[in-house]
Protein backbone atom coordinates (compact mmCIF):
# COMPACT_ATOMS: atom_id res chain seq x y z
CA UNK A 1 -3.32 62.92 53.47
CA UNK A 2 -3.81 65.34 50.59
CA UNK A 3 -1.28 65.72 47.79
CA UNK A 4 -0.73 68.84 45.73
CA UNK A 5 -1.26 68.27 42.03
CA UNK A 6 -0.14 70.75 39.41
CA UNK A 7 -2.23 71.38 36.32
CA UNK A 8 -0.77 73.16 33.32
CA UNK A 9 -3.02 74.44 30.58
CA UNK A 10 -1.54 73.82 27.15
CA UNK A 11 -2.60 75.03 23.75
CA UNK A 12 -3.44 71.94 21.70
CA UNK A 13 -0.61 72.37 19.18
CA UNK A 14 2.57 70.40 18.48
CA UNK A 15 5.48 71.30 20.76
CA UNK A 16 3.47 72.68 23.69
CA UNK A 17 3.97 69.63 25.91
CA UNK A 18 7.73 69.53 25.36
CA UNK A 19 8.05 73.13 26.60
CA UNK A 20 6.58 72.16 29.98
CA UNK A 21 8.52 68.92 30.29
CA UNK A 22 11.79 70.60 29.30
CA UNK A 23 11.37 73.29 31.98
CA UNK A 24 10.89 70.60 34.64
CA UNK A 25 13.74 68.44 33.30
CA UNK A 26 16.14 71.38 33.15
CA UNK A 27 15.31 72.11 36.81
CA UNK A 28 15.90 68.45 37.76
CA UNK A 29 12.25 67.91 38.75
CA UNK A 30 10.96 64.36 38.34
CA UNK A 31 7.31 63.81 37.41
CA UNK A 32 5.97 60.96 39.58
CA UNK A 33 2.65 60.46 37.81
CA UNK A 34 0.69 62.35 35.19
CA UNK A 35 -2.43 62.52 33.13
CA UNK A 36 -2.93 64.44 29.89
CA UNK A 37 -6.42 65.26 28.65
CA UNK A 38 -7.34 67.35 25.66
CA UNK A 39 -10.12 69.18 23.93
CA UNK A 40 -10.07 70.65 20.43
CA UNK A 41 -8.35 73.86 21.56
CA UNK A 42 -6.38 73.06 24.72
CA UNK A 43 -5.03 70.32 26.92
CA UNK A 44 -4.57 69.93 30.64
CA UNK A 45 -1.44 68.25 31.93
CA UNK A 46 -2.04 67.10 35.52
CA UNK A 47 0.91 65.74 37.47
CA UNK A 48 2.48 65.20 40.86
CA UNK A 49 6.07 65.98 41.82
CA UNK A 50 7.88 65.84 45.17
CA UNK A 51 8.45 69.63 45.37
CA UNK A 52 5.29 71.14 43.94
CA UNK A 53 6.12 74.70 45.00
CA UNK A 54 9.45 74.66 43.17
CA UNK A 55 7.82 73.09 40.11
CA UNK A 56 5.12 75.75 40.13
CA UNK A 57 7.73 78.51 40.25
CA UNK A 58 9.80 76.92 37.47
CA UNK A 59 6.76 76.55 35.21
CA UNK A 60 5.37 80.01 35.86
CA UNK A 61 8.82 81.48 35.14
CA UNK A 62 8.72 79.54 31.85
CA UNK A 63 5.42 81.23 31.00
CA UNK A 64 3.06 78.38 31.86
CA UNK A 65 -0.35 78.83 33.44
CA UNK A 66 -0.33 76.59 36.53
CA UNK A 67 -3.13 75.62 38.90
CA UNK A 68 -2.56 73.76 42.20
CA UNK A 69 -5.22 71.28 43.33
CA UNK A 70 -5.63 68.94 46.30
CA UNK A 71 -5.94 65.28 45.34
CA UNK A 72 -5.87 62.01 47.28
CA UNK A 73 -3.75 58.93 46.63
CA UNK A 74 -5.83 55.94 47.67
CA UNK A 75 -5.07 52.25 47.75
CA UNK A 76 -7.28 50.16 45.51
CA UNK A 77 -7.22 46.36 45.59
CA UNK A 78 -5.48 45.27 42.40
CA UNK A 79 -8.05 42.72 41.28
CA UNK A 80 -11.29 42.66 39.28
CA UNK A 81 -13.86 44.71 41.19
CA UNK A 82 -11.24 46.53 43.30
CA UNK A 83 -12.27 49.98 42.08
CA UNK A 84 -15.94 49.00 42.32
CA UNK A 85 -15.42 48.34 46.03
CA UNK A 86 -14.09 51.86 46.54
CA UNK A 87 -16.92 53.40 44.53
CA UNK A 88 -19.46 51.42 46.57
CA UNK A 89 -17.97 52.85 49.77
CA UNK A 90 -18.25 56.38 48.36
CA UNK A 91 -21.76 56.09 46.88
CA UNK A 92 -23.78 56.85 50.07
CA UNK A 93 -21.67 59.96 50.80
CA UNK A 94 -22.67 61.68 47.53
CA UNK A 95 -19.06 62.81 47.06
CA UNK A 96 -18.33 63.79 43.49
CA UNK A 97 -15.26 62.37 41.79
CA UNK A 98 -14.15 65.04 39.36
CA UNK A 99 -11.47 62.84 37.78
CA UNK A 100 -9.01 60.09 38.59
CA UNK A 101 -5.98 58.42 37.12
CA UNK A 102 -3.81 55.47 38.02
CA UNK A 103 -0.35 55.66 39.49
CA UNK A 104 2.05 53.24 37.84
CA UNK A 105 3.72 52.07 41.05
CA UNK A 106 1.95 49.61 43.32
CA UNK A 107 1.75 49.96 47.09
CA UNK A 108 2.23 46.43 48.37
CA UNK A 109 -0.32 44.29 46.54
CA UNK A 110 -2.59 47.23 45.86
CA UNK A 111 -2.77 49.70 43.01
CA UNK A 112 -2.77 53.44 43.74
CA UNK A 113 -5.28 55.83 42.22
CA UNK A 114 -5.03 59.62 42.24
CA UNK A 115 -8.51 61.05 42.79
CA UNK A 116 -9.83 64.61 42.75
CA UNK A 117 -12.96 64.97 44.92
CA UNK A 118 -15.22 67.98 45.25
CA UNK A 119 -14.62 67.79 49.04
CA UNK A 120 -11.27 66.09 49.76
CA UNK A 121 -11.48 66.45 53.54
CA UNK A 122 -14.86 64.73 53.70
CA UNK A 123 -13.61 62.09 51.24
CA UNK A 124 -10.70 61.31 53.59
CA UNK A 125 -13.14 60.78 56.48
CA UNK A 126 -15.52 58.60 54.45
CA UNK A 127 -12.70 56.48 53.07
CA UNK A 128 -11.02 56.02 56.45
CA UNK A 129 -14.34 55.18 58.12
CA UNK A 130 -14.75 52.40 55.56
CA UNK A 131 -11.25 50.96 55.84
CA UNK A 132 -9.83 52.47 52.65
CA UNK A 133 -6.23 53.62 53.01
CA UNK A 134 -5.55 57.18 51.90
CA UNK A 135 -1.79 57.42 51.56
CA UNK A 136 -0.06 60.11 53.55
CA UNK A 137 2.13 62.33 51.39
CA UNK A 138 5.29 61.09 53.10
CA UNK A 139 4.33 57.47 52.32
CA UNK A 140 3.40 58.35 48.75
CA UNK A 141 6.63 60.21 47.99
CA UNK A 142 8.78 57.62 49.78
CA UNK A 143 7.40 54.80 47.60
CA UNK A 144 7.24 56.79 44.35
């Protein structure tokens, strides 16, 4: 149900991103999906890999600051208003979406969104109760 996402804090300077990506590449770790956000002084690279524990070890050994977070991979109808339907389901629960990003691979006819909630366990229950599919990690990794 929940996926482990790694976040690496990067100084916002040329060459910082390649250091992280090279460490993963040299270890043969494939990034399945990612999001990069920045501020004036630093960036946050958020990503999902199949073996998050190994990736965390590789990156920490390479001198990176790594944080592990629970996120959900949810199916979103791939049509106008598809995301709005999910947000409408979530609205009464007062769950906070801290951030989200799209996954490039579709699941059947649906898109997949990676979402960080303030309470992922409650989000799973609310989404399931309203017919929204939260992908199990085995399903996510199998189709990635």
